[in-house]
Amino acid sequence: FWGEKHPEQRAAELYNYCKQHIAKNGREPDRMSLYRIFYYDA
């Protein structure tokens, strides 16, 4: 989707991508709080 990026740019992109999942969604009455982001790799 977004092409090659430097490590710090990709990390910031991933964090912002996750934050969008926590942002208030107008279609849902609930509000979410972030417990933790678990990242799995090798």
PDB file of all heavy atoms in Angstrom:
ATOM      1  N   PHE A   1       0.804  -1.226   0.000  1.00  0.00           N
ATOM      2  CA  PHE A   1       0.000   0.000   0.000  1.00  0.00           C
ATOM      3  C   PHE A   1       0.838   1.278   0.000  1.00  0.00           C
ATOM      4  O   PHE A   1       0.483   2.256  -0.673  1.00  0.00           O
ATOM      5  CB  PHE A   1      -0.923   0.024   1.221  1.00  0.00           C
ATOM      6  CG  PHE A   1      -2.052  -0.957   1.160  1.00  0.00           C
ATOM      7  CD1 PHE A   1      -2.151  -1.977   2.091  1.00  0.00           C
ATOM      8  CD2 PHE A   1      -3.021  -0.869   0.164  1.00  0.00           C
ATOM      9  CE1 PHE A   1      -3.202  -2.895   2.035  1.00  0.00           C
ATOM     10  CE2 PHE A   1      -4.067  -1.777   0.097  1.00  0.00           C
ATOM     11  CZ  PHE A   1      -4.158  -2.784   1.034  1.00  0.00           C
ATOM     12  N   TRP A   2       1.930   1.285   0.762  1.00  0.00           N
ATOM     13  CA  TRP A   2       2.634   2.548   1.003  1.00  0.00           C
ATOM     14  C   TRP A   2       4.096   2.548   0.588  1.00  0.00           C
ATOM     15  O   TRP A   2       4.796   3.531   0.793  1.00  0.00           O
ATOM     16  CB  TRP A   2       2.506   2.907   2.489  1.00  0.00           C
ATOM     17  CG  TRP A   2       1.074   2.999   2.912  1.00  0.00           C
ATOM     18  CD1 TRP A   2       0.137   3.869   2.449  1.00  0.00           C
ATOM     19  CD2 TRP A   2       0.393   2.153   3.851  1.00  0.00           C
ATOM     20  NE1 TRP A   2      -1.078   3.639   3.043  1.00  0.00           N
ATOM     21  CE2 TRP A   2      -0.957   2.599   3.911  1.00  0.00           C
ATOM     22  CE3 TRP A   2       0.790   1.097   4.667  1.00  0.00           C
ATOM     23  CZ2 TRP A   2      -1.897   1.989   4.737  1.00  0.00           C
ATOM     24  CZ3 TRP A   2      -0.154   0.491   5.486  1.00  0.00           C
ATOM     25  CH2 TRP A   2      -1.479   0.944   5.517  1.00  0.00           C
ATOM     26  N   GLY A   3       4.551   1.439  -0.009  1.00  0.00           N
ATOM     27  CA  GLY A   3       5.910   1.400  -0.521  1.00  0.00           C
ATOM     28  C   GLY A   3       6.959   1.219   0.563  1.00  0.00           C
ATOM     29  O   GLY A   3       6.663   1.011   1.733  1.00  0.00           O
ATOM     30  N   GLU A   4       8.226   1.297   0.135  1.00  0.00           N
ATOM     31  CA  GLU A   4       9.350   1.145   1.048  1.00  0.00           C
ATOM     32  C   GLU A   4       9.506   2.369   1.931  1.00  0.00           C
ATOM     33  O   GLU A   4       9.312   3.495   1.481  1.00  0.00           O
ATOM     34  CB  GLU A   4      10.633   0.921   0.251  1.00  0.00           C
ATOM     35  CG  GLU A   4      11.279  -0.413   0.506  1.00  0.00           C
ATOM     36  CD  GLU A   4      12.457  -0.656  -0.423  1.00  0.00           C
ATOM     37  OE1 GLU A   4      13.287   0.262  -0.583  1.00  0.00           O
ATOM     38  OE2 GLU A   4      12.535  -1.747  -0.997  1.00  0.00           O
ATOM     39  N   LYS A   5       9.882   2.131   3.181  1.00  0.00           N
ATOM     40  CA  LYS A   5      10.108   3.240   4.113  1.00  0.00           C
ATOM     41  C   LYS A   5      11.297   2.922   5.008  1.00  0.00           C
ATOM     42  O   LYS A   5      11.659   1.757   5.179  1.00  0.00           O
ATOM     43  CB  LYS A   5       8.864   3.477   4.986  1.00  0.00           C
ATOM     44  CG  LYS A   5       7.667   4.048   4.239  1.00  0.00           C
ATOM     45  CD  LYS A   5       6.535   4.406   5.197  1.00  0.00           C
ATOM     46  CE  LYS A   5       5.351   5.025   4.452  1.00  0.00           C
ATOM     47  NZ  LYS A   5       4.265   5.416   5.375  1.00  0.00           N
ATOM     48  N   HIS A   6      11.885   3.973   5.589  1.00  0.00           N
ATOM     49  CA  HIS A   6      12.942   3.771   6.571  1.00  0.00           C
ATOM     50  C   HIS A   6      12.330   3.146   7.828  1.00  0.00           C
ATOM     51  O   HIS A   6      11.128   3.273   8.075  1.00  0.00           O
ATOM     52  CB  HIS A   6      13.613   5.100   6.909  1.00  0.00           C
ATOM     53  CG  HIS A   6      14.380   5.687   5.771  1.00  0.00           C
ATOM     54  ND1 HIS A   6      15.487   5.077   5.232  1.00  0.00           N
ATOM     55  CD2 HIS A   6      14.205   6.839   5.066  1.00  0.00           C
ATOM     56  CE1 HIS A   6      15.963   5.813   4.253  1.00  0.00           C
ATOM     57  NE2 HIS A   6      15.204   6.883   4.119  1.00  0.00           N
ATOM     58  N   PRO A   7      13.142   2.467   8.629  1.00  0.00           N
ATOM     59  CA  PRO A   7      12.609   1.795   9.825  1.00  0.00           C
ATOM     60  C   PRO A   7      11.788   2.698  10.735  1.00  0.00           C
ATOM     61  O   PRO A   7      10.713   2.309  11.205  1.00  0.00           O
ATOM     62  CB  PRO A   7      13.871   1.294  10.527  1.00  0.00           C
ATOM     63  CG  PRO A   7      14.854   1.100   9.418  1.00  0.00           C
ATOM     64  CD  PRO A   7      14.571   2.190   8.441  1.00  0.00           C
ATOM     65  N   GLU A   8      12.275   3.914  10.992  1.00  0.00           N
ATOM     66  CA  GLU A   8      11.535   4.795  11.897  1.00  0.00           C
ATOM     67  C   GLU A   8      10.209   5.243  11.283  1.00  0.00           C
ATOM     68  O   GLU A   8       9.217   5.418  11.999  1.00  0.00           O
ATOM     69  CB  GLU A   8      12.380   6.017  12.279  1.00  0.00           C
ATOM     70  CG  GLU A   8      12.790   6.917  11.139  1.00  0.00           C
ATOM     71  CD  GLU A   8      14.076   6.492  10.446  1.00  0.00           C
ATOM     72  OE1 GLU A   8      14.492   5.330  10.641  1.00  0.00           O
ATOM     73  OE2 GLU A   8      14.661   7.326   9.739  1.00  0.00           O
ATOM     74  N   GLN A   9      10.173   5.393   9.956  1.00  0.00           N
ATOM     75  CA  GLN A   9       8.926   5.773   9.289  1.00  0.00           C
ATOM     76  C   GLN A   9       7.925   4.624   9.327  1.00  0.00           C
ATOM     77  O   GLN A   9       6.731   4.843   9.555  1.00  0.00           O
ATOM     78  CB  GLN A   9       9.209   6.185   7.843  1.00  0.00           C
ATOM     79  CG  GLN A   9      10.036   7.437   7.700  1.00  0.00           C
ATOM     80  CD  GLN A   9      10.429   7.697   6.259  1.00  0.00           C
ATOM     81  OE1 GLN A   9      10.745   6.774   5.503  1.00  0.00           O
ATOM     82  NE2 GLN A   9      10.416   8.955   5.859  1.00  0.00           N
ATOM     83  N   ARG A  10       8.405   3.400   9.088  1.00  0.00           N
ATOM     84  CA  ARG A  10       7.506   2.240   9.125  1.00  0.00           C
ATOM     85  C   ARG A  10       6.966   2.022  10.529  1.00  0.00           C
ATOM     86  O   ARG A  10       5.804   1.652  10.707  1.00  0.00           O
ATOM     87  CB  ARG A  10       8.240   1.007   8.614  1.00  0.00           C
ATOM     88  CG  ARG A  10       7.389  -0.257   8.539  1.00  0.00           C
ATOM     89  CD  ARG A  10       7.115  -0.654   7.111  1.00  0.00           C
ATOM     90  NE  ARG A  10       6.198   0.203   6.401  1.00  0.00           N
ATOM     91  CZ  ARG A  10       6.160   0.293   5.065  1.00  0.00           C
ATOM     92  NH1 ARG A  10       6.984  -0.409   4.309  1.00  0.00           N
ATOM     93  NH2 ARG A  10       5.284   1.086   4.478  1.00  0.00           N
ATOM     94  N   ALA A  11       7.803   2.219  11.547  1.00  0.00           N
ATOM     95  CA  ALA A  11       7.350   2.041  12.928  1.00  0.00           C
ATOM     96  C   ALA A  11       6.287   3.068  13.290  1.00  0.00           C
ATOM     97  O   ALA A  11       5.272   2.734  13.915  1.00  0.00           O
ATOM     98  CB  ALA A  11       8.544   2.146  13.877  1.00  0.00           C
ATOM     99  N   ALA A  12       6.503   4.335  12.891  1.00  0.00           N
ATOM    100  CA  ALA A  12       5.513   5.375  13.168  1.00  0.00           C
ATOM    101  C   ALA A  12       4.222   5.110  12.418  1.00  0.00           C
ATOM    102  O   ALA A  12       3.120   5.309  12.948  1.00  0.00           O
ATOM    103  CB  ALA A  12       6.075   6.745  12.785  1.00  0.00           C
ATOM    104  N   GLU A  13       4.346   4.619  11.183  1.00  0.00           N
ATOM    105  CA  GLU A  13       3.168   4.273  10.381  1.00  0.00           C
ATOM    106  C   GLU A  13       2.362   3.172  11.066  1.00  0.00           C
ATOM    107  O   GLU A  13       1.123   3.254  11.157  1.00  0.00           O
ATOM    108  CB  GLU A  13       3.630   3.800   9.002  1.00  0.00           C
ATOM    109  CG  GLU A  13       2.572   3.123   8.155  1.00  0.00           C
ATOM    110  CD  GLU A  13       3.226   2.202   7.146  1.00  0.00           C
ATOM    111  OE1 GLU A  13       3.691   2.697   6.101  1.00  0.00           O
ATOM    112  OE2 GLU A  13       3.277   0.969   7.415  1.00  0.00           O
ATOM    113  N   LEU A  14       3.048   2.148  11.565  1.00  0.00           N
ATOM    114  CA  LEU A  14       2.362   1.048  12.238  1.00  0.00           C
ATOM    115  C   LEU A  14       1.646   1.536  13.495  1.00  0.00           C
ATOM    116  O   LEU A  14       0.497   1.155  13.755  1.00  0.00           O
ATOM    117  CB  LEU A  14       3.373  -0.043  12.595  1.00  0.00           C
ATOM    118  CG  LEU A  14       2.849  -1.212  13.443  1.00  0.00           C
ATOM    119  CD1 LEU A  14       1.674  -1.901  12.770  1.00  0.00           C
ATOM    120  CD2 LEU A  14       3.969  -2.218  13.700  1.00  0.00           C
ATOM    121  N   TYR A  15       2.304   2.375  14.278  1.00  0.00           N
ATOM    122  CA  TYR A  15       1.683   2.896  15.496  1.00  0.00           C
ATOM    123  C   TYR A  15       0.426   3.702  15.163  1.00  0.00           C
ATOM    124  O   TYR A  15      -0.615   3.543  15.808  1.00  0.00           O
ATOM    125  CB  TYR A  15       2.685   3.761  16.258  1.00  0.00           C
ATOM    126  CG  TYR A  15       2.144   4.289  17.572  1.00  0.00           C
ATOM    127  CD1 TYR A  15       1.818   3.428  18.609  1.00  0.00           C
ATOM    128  CD2 TYR A  15       1.949   5.657  17.763  1.00  0.00           C
ATOM    129  CE1 TYR A  15       1.315   3.902  19.820  1.00  0.00           C
ATOM    130  CE2 TYR A  15       1.448   6.141  18.961  1.00  0.00           C
ATOM    131  CZ  TYR A  15       1.132   5.263  19.976  1.00  0.00           C
ATOM    132  OH  TYR A  15       0.627   5.732  21.170  1.00  0.00           O
ATOM    133  N   ASN A  16       0.511   4.529  14.149  1.00  0.00           N
ATOM    134  CA  ASN A  16      -0.653   5.334  13.749  1.00  0.00           C
ATOM    135  C   ASN A  16      -1.770   4.448  13.195  1.00  0.00           C
ATOM    136  O   ASN A  16      -2.956   4.718  13.412  1.00  0.00           O
ATOM    137  CB  ASN A  16      -0.245   6.374  12.705  1.00  0.00           C
ATOM    138  CG  ASN A  16       0.593   7.489  13.301  1.00  0.00           C
ATOM    139  OD1 ASN A  16       0.432   7.839  14.461  1.00  0.00           O
ATOM    140  ND2 ASN A  16       1.502   8.048  12.515  1.00  0.00           N
ATOM    141  N   TYR A  17      -1.383   3.383  12.492  1.00  0.00           N
ATOM    142  CA  TYR A  17      -2.386   2.446  11.966  1.00  0.00           C
ATOM    143  C   TYR A  17      -3.160   1.808  13.125  1.00  0.00           C
ATOM    144  O   TYR A  17      -4.390   1.681  13.077  1.00  0.00           O
ATOM    145  CB  TYR A  17      -1.700   1.371  11.131  1.00  0.00           C
ATOM    146  CG  TYR A  17      -2.660   0.443  10.419  1.00  0.00           C
ATOM    147  CD1 TYR A  17      -3.151   0.755   9.153  1.00  0.00           C
ATOM    148  CD2 TYR A  17      -3.088  -0.741  11.009  1.00  0.00           C
ATOM    149  CE1 TYR A  17      -4.036  -0.091   8.495  1.00  0.00           C
ATOM    150  CE2 TYR A  17      -3.978  -1.586  10.364  1.00  0.00           C
ATOM    151  CZ  TYR A  17      -4.451  -1.251   9.107  1.00  0.00           C
ATOM    152  OH  TYR A  17      -5.341  -2.094   8.463  1.00  0.00           O
ATOM    153  N   CYS A  18      -2.441   1.420  14.173  1.00  0.00           N
ATOM    154  CA  CYS A  18      -3.096   0.816  15.337  1.00  0.00           C
ATOM    155  C   CYS A  18      -3.971   1.822  16.072  1.00  0.00           C
ATOM    156  O   CYS A  18      -5.062   1.493  16.547  1.00  0.00           O
ATOM    157  CB  CYS A  18      -2.050   0.241  16.287  1.00  0.00           C
ATOM    158  SG  CYS A  18      -1.170  -1.192  15.625  1.00  0.00           S
ATOM    159  N   LYS A  19      -3.497   3.061  16.173  1.00  0.00           N
ATOM    160  CA  LYS A  19      -4.270   4.095  16.864  1.00  0.00           C
ATOM    161  C   LYS A  19      -5.620   4.325  16.188  1.00  0.00           C
ATOM    162  O   LYS A  19      -6.605   4.640  16.851  1.00  0.00           O
ATOM    163  CB  LYS A  19      -3.484   5.403  16.891  1.00  0.00           C
ATOM    164  CG  LYS A  19      -2.468   5.454  18.009  1.00  0.00           C
ATOM    165  CD  LYS A  19      -1.695   6.751  18.152  1.00  0.00           C
ATOM    166  CE  LYS A  19      -2.284   7.949  17.518  1.00  0.00           C
ATOM    167  NZ  LYS A  19      -1.457   9.166  17.737  1.00  0.00           N
ATOM    168  N   GLN A  20      -5.681   4.138  14.875  1.00  0.00           N
ATOM    169  CA  GLN A  20      -6.950   4.310  14.172  1.00  0.00           C
ATOM    170  C   GLN A  20      -7.973   3.276  14.624  1.00  0.00           C
ATOM    171  O   GLN A  20      -9.178   3.527  14.578  1.00  0.00           O
ATOM    172  CB  GLN A  20      -6.733   4.201  12.664  1.00  0.00           C
ATOM    173  CG  GLN A  20      -5.946   5.353  12.062  1.00  0.00           C
ATOM    174  CD  GLN A  20      -5.754   5.176  10.571  1.00  0.00           C
ATOM    175  OE1 GLN A  20      -6.719   5.078   9.804  1.00  0.00           O
ATOM    176  NE2 GLN A  20      -4.505   5.112  10.147  1.00  0.00           N
ATOM    177  N   HIS A  21      -7.505   2.112  15.046  1.00  0.00           N
ATOM    178  CA  HIS A  21      -8.420   1.088  15.545  1.00  0.00           C
ATOM    179  C   HIS A  21      -9.017   1.476  16.897  1.00  0.00           C
ATOM    180  O   HIS A  21     -10.089   1.000  17.271  1.00  0.00           O
ATOM    181  CB  HIS A  21      -7.687  -0.252  15.685  1.00  0.00           C
ATOM    182  CG  HIS A  21      -7.701  -1.080  14.445  1.00  0.00           C
ATOM    183  ND1 HIS A  21      -8.862  -1.536  13.867  1.00  0.00           N
ATOM    184  CD2 HIS A  21      -6.685  -1.547  13.663  1.00  0.00           C
ATOM    185  CE1 HIS A  21      -8.570  -2.246  12.794  1.00  0.00           C
ATOM    186  NE2 HIS A  21      -7.262  -2.265  12.638  1.00  0.00           N
ATOM    187  N   ILE A  22      -8.303   2.305  17.636  1.00  0.00           N
ATOM    188  CA  ILE A  22      -8.748   2.695  18.969  1.00  0.00           C
ATOM    189  C   ILE A  22      -9.560   3.983  18.934  1.00  0.00           C
ATOM    190  O   ILE A  22     -10.364   4.257  19.824  1.00  0.00           O
ATOM    191  CB  ILE A  22      -7.536   2.867  19.906  1.00  0.00           C
ATOM    192  CG1 ILE A  22      -6.747   1.558  19.975  1.00  0.00           C
ATOM    193  CG2 ILE A  22      -7.957   3.267  21.308  1.00  0.00           C
ATOM    194  CD1 ILE A  22      -7.561   0.376  20.475  1.00  0.00           C
ATOM    195  N   ALA A  23      -9.367   4.791  17.887  1.00  0.00           N
ATOM    196  CA  ALA A  23     -10.087   6.060  17.780  1.00  0.00           C
ATOM    197  C   ALA A  23     -11.587   5.810  17.824  1.00  0.00           C
ATOM    198  O   ALA A  23     -12.089   4.783  17.340  1.00  0.00           O
ATOM    199  CB  ALA A  23      -9.708   6.773  16.492  1.00  0.00           C
ATOM    200  N   LYS A  24     -12.321   6.748  18.367  1.00  0.00           N
ATOM    201  CA  LYS A  24     -13.769   6.588  18.503  1.00  0.00           C
ATOM    202  C   LYS A  24     -14.406   6.385  17.138  1.00  0.00           C
ATOM    203  O   LYS A  24     -14.166   7.136  16.199  1.00  0.00           O
ATOM    204  CB  LYS A  24     -14.368   7.815  19.191  1.00  0.00           C
ATOM    205  CG  LYS A  24     -15.849   7.665  19.505  1.00  0.00           C
ATOM    206  CD  LYS A  24     -16.359   8.853  20.291  1.00  0.00           C
ATOM    207  CE  LYS A  24     -17.837   8.686  20.617  1.00  0.00           C
ATOM    208  NZ  LYS A  24     -18.369   9.825  21.384  1.00  0.00           N
ATOM    209  N   ASN A  25     -15.212   5.355  17.039  1.00  0.00           N
ATOM    210  CA  ASN A  25     -15.903   5.026  15.797  1.00  0.00           C
ATOM    211  C   ASN A  25     -17.359   5.465  15.914  1.00  0.00           C
ATOM    212  O   ASN A  25     -18.083   5.018  16.793  1.00  0.00           O
ATOM    213  CB  ASN A  25     -15.820   3.502  15.544  1.00  0.00           C
ATOM    214  CG  ASN A  25     -16.320   3.116  14.165  1.00  0.00           C
ATOM    215  OD1 ASN A  25     -17.273   3.700  13.663  1.00  0.00           O
ATOM    216  ND2 ASN A  25     -15.657   2.155  13.549  1.00  0.00           N
ATOM    217  N   GLY A  26     -17.777   6.355  15.039  1.00  0.00           N
ATOM    218  CA  GLY A  26     -19.128   6.907  15.118  1.00  0.00           C
ATOM    219  C   GLY A  26     -20.233   5.885  14.972  1.00  0.00           C
ATOM    220  O   GLY A  26     -21.364   6.130  15.356  1.00  0.00           O
ATOM    221  N   ARG A  27     -19.895   4.715  14.441  1.00  0.00           N
ATOM    222  CA  ARG A  27     -20.930   3.692  14.263  1.00  0.00           C
ATOM    223  C   ARG A  27     -21.108   2.839  15.515  1.00  0.00           C
ATOM    224  O   ARG A  27     -21.973   1.977  15.556  1.00  0.00           O
ATOM    225  CB  ARG A  27     -20.567   2.798  13.077  1.00  0.00           C
ATOM    226  CG  ARG A  27     -20.623   3.523  11.739  1.00  0.00           C
ATOM    227  CD  ARG A  27     -20.095   2.650  10.618  1.00  0.00           C
ATOM    228  NE  ARG A  27     -18.694   2.312  10.831  1.00  0.00           N
ATOM    229  CZ  ARG A  27     -18.005   1.489  10.045  1.00  0.00           C
ATOM    230  NH1 ARG A  27     -18.581   0.912   9.022  1.00  0.00           N
ATOM    231  NH2 ARG A  27     -16.722   1.241  10.281  1.00  0.00           N
ATOM    232  N   GLU A  28     -20.253   3.037  16.513  1.00  0.00           N
ATOM    233  CA  GLU A  28     -20.344   2.226  17.713  1.00  0.00           C
ATOM    234  C   GLU A  28     -20.580   3.110  18.937  1.00  0.00           C
ATOM    235  O   GLU A  28     -19.979   4.175  19.053  1.00  0.00           O
ATOM    236  CB  GLU A  28     -19.058   1.421  17.927  1.00  0.00           C
ATOM    237  CG  GLU A  28     -18.865   0.314  16.903  1.00  0.00           C
ATOM    238  CD  GLU A  28     -17.676  -0.568  17.259  1.00  0.00           C
ATOM    239  OE1 GLU A  28     -16.887  -0.151  18.131  1.00  0.00           O
ATOM    240  OE2 GLU A  28     -17.554  -1.648  16.689  1.00  0.00           O
ATOM    241  N   PRO A  29     -21.431   2.678  19.848  1.00  0.00           N
ATOM    242  CA  PRO A  29     -21.693   3.484  21.044  1.00  0.00           C
ATOM    243  C   PRO A  29     -20.571   3.383  22.080  1.00  0.00           C
ATOM    244  O   PRO A  29     -20.470   4.204  22.973  1.00  0.00           O
ATOM    245  CB  PRO A  29     -22.976   2.859  21.594  1.00  0.00           C
ATOM    246  CG  PRO A  29     -22.919   1.435  21.137  1.00  0.00           C
ATOM    247  CD  PRO A  29     -22.270   1.474  19.780  1.00  0.00           C
ATOM    248  N   ASP A  30     -19.708   2.344  21.967  1.00  0.00           N
ATOM    249  CA  ASP A  30     -18.684   2.153  22.979  1.00  0.00           C
ATOM    250  C   ASP A  30     -17.428   2.964  22.675  1.00  0.00           C
ATOM    251  O   ASP A  30     -17.234   3.453  21.579  1.00  0.00           O
ATOM    252  CB  ASP A  30     -18.317   0.661  23.087  1.00  0.00           C
ATOM    253  CG  ASP A  30     -17.830   0.093  21.756  1.00  0.00           C
ATOM    254  OD1 ASP A  30     -16.737   0.480  21.329  1.00  0.00           O
ATOM    255  OD2 ASP A  30     -18.566  -0.718  21.169  1.00  0.00           O
ATOM    256  N   ARG A  31     -16.594   3.073  23.696  1.00  0.00           N
ATOM    257  CA  ARG A  31     -15.299   3.710  23.538  1.00  0.00           C
ATOM    258  C   ARG A  31     -14.238   2.699  23.934  1.00  0.00           C
ATOM    259  O   ARG A  31     -14.397   1.977  24.924  1.00  0.00           O
ATOM    260  CB  ARG A  31     -15.199   4.975  24.391  1.00  0.00           C
ATOM    261  CG  ARG A  31     -16.161   6.070  23.970  1.00  0.00           C
ATOM    262  CD  ARG A  31     -16.025   7.265  24.884  1.00  0.00           C
ATOM    263  NE  ARG A  31     -14.667   7.796  24.850  1.00  0.00           N
ATOM    264  CZ  ARG A  31     -14.176   8.651  25.760  1.00  0.00           C
ATOM    265  NH1 ARG A  31     -14.923   9.032  26.771  1.00  0.00           N
ATOM    266  NH2 ARG A  31     -12.937   9.097  25.654  1.00  0.00           N
ATOM    267  N   MET A  32     -13.129   2.672  23.195  1.00  0.00           N
ATOM    268  CA  MET A  32     -12.092   1.686  23.458  1.00  0.00           C
ATOM    269  C   MET A  32     -10.882   2.335  24.112  1.00  0.00           C
ATOM    270  O   MET A  32     -10.537   3.473  23.807  1.00  0.00           O
ATOM    271  CB  MET A  32     -11.674   1.001  22.160  1.00  0.00           C
ATOM    272  CG  MET A  32     -12.718   0.069  21.582  1.00  0.00           C
ATOM    273  SD  MET A  32     -12.109  -0.829  20.143  1.00  0.00           S
ATOM    274  CE  MET A  32     -12.168   0.448  18.896  1.00  0.00           C
ATOM    275  N   SER A  33     -10.253   1.603  24.996  1.00  0.00           N
ATOM    276  CA  SER A  33      -8.980   2.016  25.561  1.00  0.00           C
ATOM    277  C   SER A  33      -7.942   0.966  25.178  1.00  0.00           C
ATOM    278  O   SER A  33      -8.231  -0.234  25.164  1.00  0.00           O
ATOM    279  CB  SER A  33      -9.067   2.141  27.088  1.00  0.00           C
ATOM    280  OG  SER A  33      -9.360   0.890  27.673  1.00  0.00           O
ATOM    281  N   LEU A  34      -6.737   1.412  24.855  1.00  0.00           N
ATOM    282  CA  LEU A  34      -5.689   0.503  24.410  1.00  0.00           C
ATOM    283  C   LEU A  34      -5.020  -0.162  25.603  1.00  0.00           C
ATOM    284  O   LEU A  34      -4.470   0.513  26.476  1.00  0.00           O
ATOM    285  CB  LEU A  34      -4.652   1.265  23.584  1.00  0.00           C
ATOM    286  CG  LEU A  34      -3.447   0.437  23.096  1.00  0.00           C
ATOM    287  CD1 LEU A  34      -3.917  -0.687  22.182  1.00  0.00           C
ATOM    288  CD2 LEU A  34      -2.435   1.346  22.389  1.00  0.00           C
ATOM    289  N   TYR A  35      -5.077  -1.476  25.633  1.00  0.00           N
ATOM    290  CA  TYR A  35      -4.368  -2.234  26.668  1.00  0.00           C
ATOM    291  C   TYR A  35      -2.894  -2.352  26.287  1.00  0.00           C
ATOM    292  O   TYR A  35      -2.008  -1.940  27.036  1.00  0.00           O
ATOM    293  CB  TYR A  35      -5.000  -3.619  26.829  1.00  0.00           C
ATOM    294  CG  TYR A  35      -4.190  -4.557  27.705  1.00  0.00           C
ATOM    295  CD1 TYR A  35      -4.062  -4.337  29.065  1.00  0.00           C
ATOM    296  CD2 TYR A  35      -3.542  -5.665  27.145  1.00  0.00           C
ATOM    297  CE1 TYR A  35      -3.307  -5.188  29.864  1.00  0.00           C
ATOM    298  CE2 TYR A  35      -2.793  -6.518  27.931  1.00  0.00           C
ATOM    299  CZ  TYR A  35      -2.667  -6.279  29.284  1.00  0.00           C
ATOM    300  OH  TYR A  35      -1.925  -7.117  30.063  1.00  0.00           O
ATOM    301  N   ARG A  36      -2.628  -2.893  25.114  1.00  0.00           N
ATOM    302  CA  ARG A  36      -1.252  -3.042  24.654  1.00  0.00           C
ATOM    303  C   ARG A  36      -1.264  -3.466  23.183  1.00  0.00           C
ATOM    304  O   ARG A  36      -2.230  -4.054  22.699  1.00  0.00           O
ATOM    305  CB  ARG A  36      -0.496  -4.069  25.493  1.00  0.00           C
ATOM    306  CG  ARG A  36       1.022  -4.084  25.280  1.00  0.00           C
ATOM    307  CD  ARG A  36       1.724  -4.776  26.430  1.00  0.00           C
ATOM    308  NE  ARG A  36       1.593  -3.983  27.655  1.00  0.00           N
ATOM    309  CZ  ARG A  36       1.362  -4.497  28.853  1.00  0.00           C
ATOM    310  NH1 ARG A  36       1.197  -5.801  28.987  1.00  0.00           N
ATOM    311  NH2 ARG A  36       1.272  -3.723  29.906  1.00  0.00           N
ATOM    312  N   ILE A  37      -0.169  -3.141  22.474  1.00  0.00           N
ATOM    313  CA  ILE A  37       0.025  -3.597  21.100  1.00  0.00           C
ATOM    314  C   ILE A  37       1.097  -4.676  21.129  1.00  0.00           C
ATOM    315  O   ILE A  37       2.229  -4.433  21.561  1.00  0.00           O
ATOM    316  CB  ILE A  37       0.449  -2.447  20.172  1.00  0.00           C
ATOM    317  CG1 ILE A  37      -0.611  -1.346  20.147  1.00  0.00           C
ATOM    318  CG2 ILE A  37       0.708  -2.971  18.756  1.00  0.00           C
ATOM    319  CD1 ILE A  37      -0.164  -0.080  19.428  1.00  0.00           C
ATOM    320  N   PHE A  38       0.753  -5.868  20.681  1.00  0.00           N
ATOM    321  CA  PHE A  38       1.698  -6.983  20.635  1.00  0.00           C
ATOM    322  C   PHE A  38       2.158  -7.168  19.184  1.00  0.00           C
ATOM    323  O   PHE A  38       1.336  -7.380  18.290  1.00  0.00           O
ATOM    324  CB  PHE A  38       1.041  -8.277  21.123  1.00  0.00           C
ATOM    325  CG  PHE A  38       0.586  -8.236  22.555  1.00  0.00           C
ATOM    326  CD1 PHE A  38      -0.660  -7.725  22.896  1.00  0.00           C
ATOM    327  CD2 PHE A  38       1.398  -8.726  23.567  1.00  0.00           C
ATOM    328  CE1 PHE A  38      -1.092  -7.695  24.218  1.00  0.00           C
ATOM    329  CE2 PHE A  38       0.973  -8.697  24.899  1.00  0.00           C
ATOM    330  CZ  PHE A  38      -0.273  -8.182  25.219  1.00  0.00           C
ATOM    331  N   TYR A  39       3.458  -7.113  18.974  1.00  0.00           N
ATOM    332  CA  TYR A  39       4.002  -7.262  17.620  1.00  0.00           C
ATOM    333  C   TYR A  39       4.843  -8.536  17.572  1.00  0.00           C
ATOM    334  O   TYR A  39       5.771  -8.717  18.357  1.00  0.00           O
ATOM    335  CB  TYR A  39       4.866  -6.055  17.244  1.00  0.00           C
ATOM    336  CG  TYR A  39       5.439  -6.139  15.854  1.00  0.00           C
ATOM    337  CD1 TYR A  39       4.731  -5.650  14.752  1.00  0.00           C
ATOM    338  CD2 TYR A  39       6.678  -6.723  15.624  1.00  0.00           C
ATOM    339  CE1 TYR A  39       5.250  -5.742  13.466  1.00  0.00           C
ATOM    340  CE2 TYR A  39       7.203  -6.814  14.349  1.00  0.00           C
ATOM    341  CZ  TYR A  39       6.486  -6.328  13.277  1.00  0.00           C
ATOM    342  OH  TYR A  39       7.006  -6.429  12.006  1.00  0.00           O
ATOM    343  N   TYR A  40       4.512  -9.428  16.620  1.00  0.00           N
ATOM    344  CA  TYR A  40       5.165 -10.732  16.515  1.00  0.00           C
ATOM    345  C   TYR A  40       5.946 -10.840  15.201  1.00  0.00           C
ATOM    346  O   TYR A  40       5.400 -10.576  14.123  1.00  0.00           O
ATOM    347  CB  TYR A  40       4.127 -11.858  16.569  1.00  0.00           C
ATOM    348  CG  TYR A  40       3.232 -11.790  17.773  1.00  0.00           C
ATOM    349  CD1 TYR A  40       2.073 -11.009  17.760  1.00  0.00           C
ATOM    350  CD2 TYR A  40       3.545 -12.494  18.933  1.00  0.00           C
ATOM    351  CE1 TYR A  40       1.256 -10.930  18.877  1.00  0.00           C
ATOM    352  CE2 TYR A  40       2.720 -12.421  20.051  1.00  0.00           C
ATOM    353  CZ  TYR A  40       1.577 -11.639  20.013  1.00  0.00           C
ATOM    354  OH  TYR A  40       0.770 -11.558  21.109  1.00  0.00           O
ATOM    355  N   ASP A  41       7.196 -11.221  15.319  1.00  0.00           N
ATOM    356  CA  ASP A  41       8.022 -11.373  14.120  1.00  0.00           C
ATOM    357  C   ASP A  41       9.177 -12.302  14.465  1.00  0.00           C
ATOM    358  O   ASP A  41       9.229 -12.860  15.566  1.00  0.00           O
ATOM    359  CB  ASP A  41       8.524 -10.001  13.643  1.00  0.00           C
ATOM    360  CG  ASP A  41       8.586  -9.904  12.117  1.00  0.00           C
ATOM    361  OD1 ASP A  41       8.859 -10.933  11.466  1.00  0.00           O
ATOM    362  OD2 ASP A  41       8.364  -8.806  11.583  1.00  0.00           O
ATOM    363  N   ALA A  42      10.106 -12.444  13.531  1.00  0.00           N
ATOM    364  CA  ALA A  42      11.261 -13.311  13.764  1.00  0.00           C
ATOM    365  C   ALA A  42      12.552 -12.500  13.672  1.00  0.00           C
ATOM    366  O   ALA A  42      12.654 -11.562  12.879  1.00  0.00           O
ATOM    367  CB  ALA A  42      11.286 -14.449  12.744  1.00  0.00           C
TER     368      ALA A  42
END
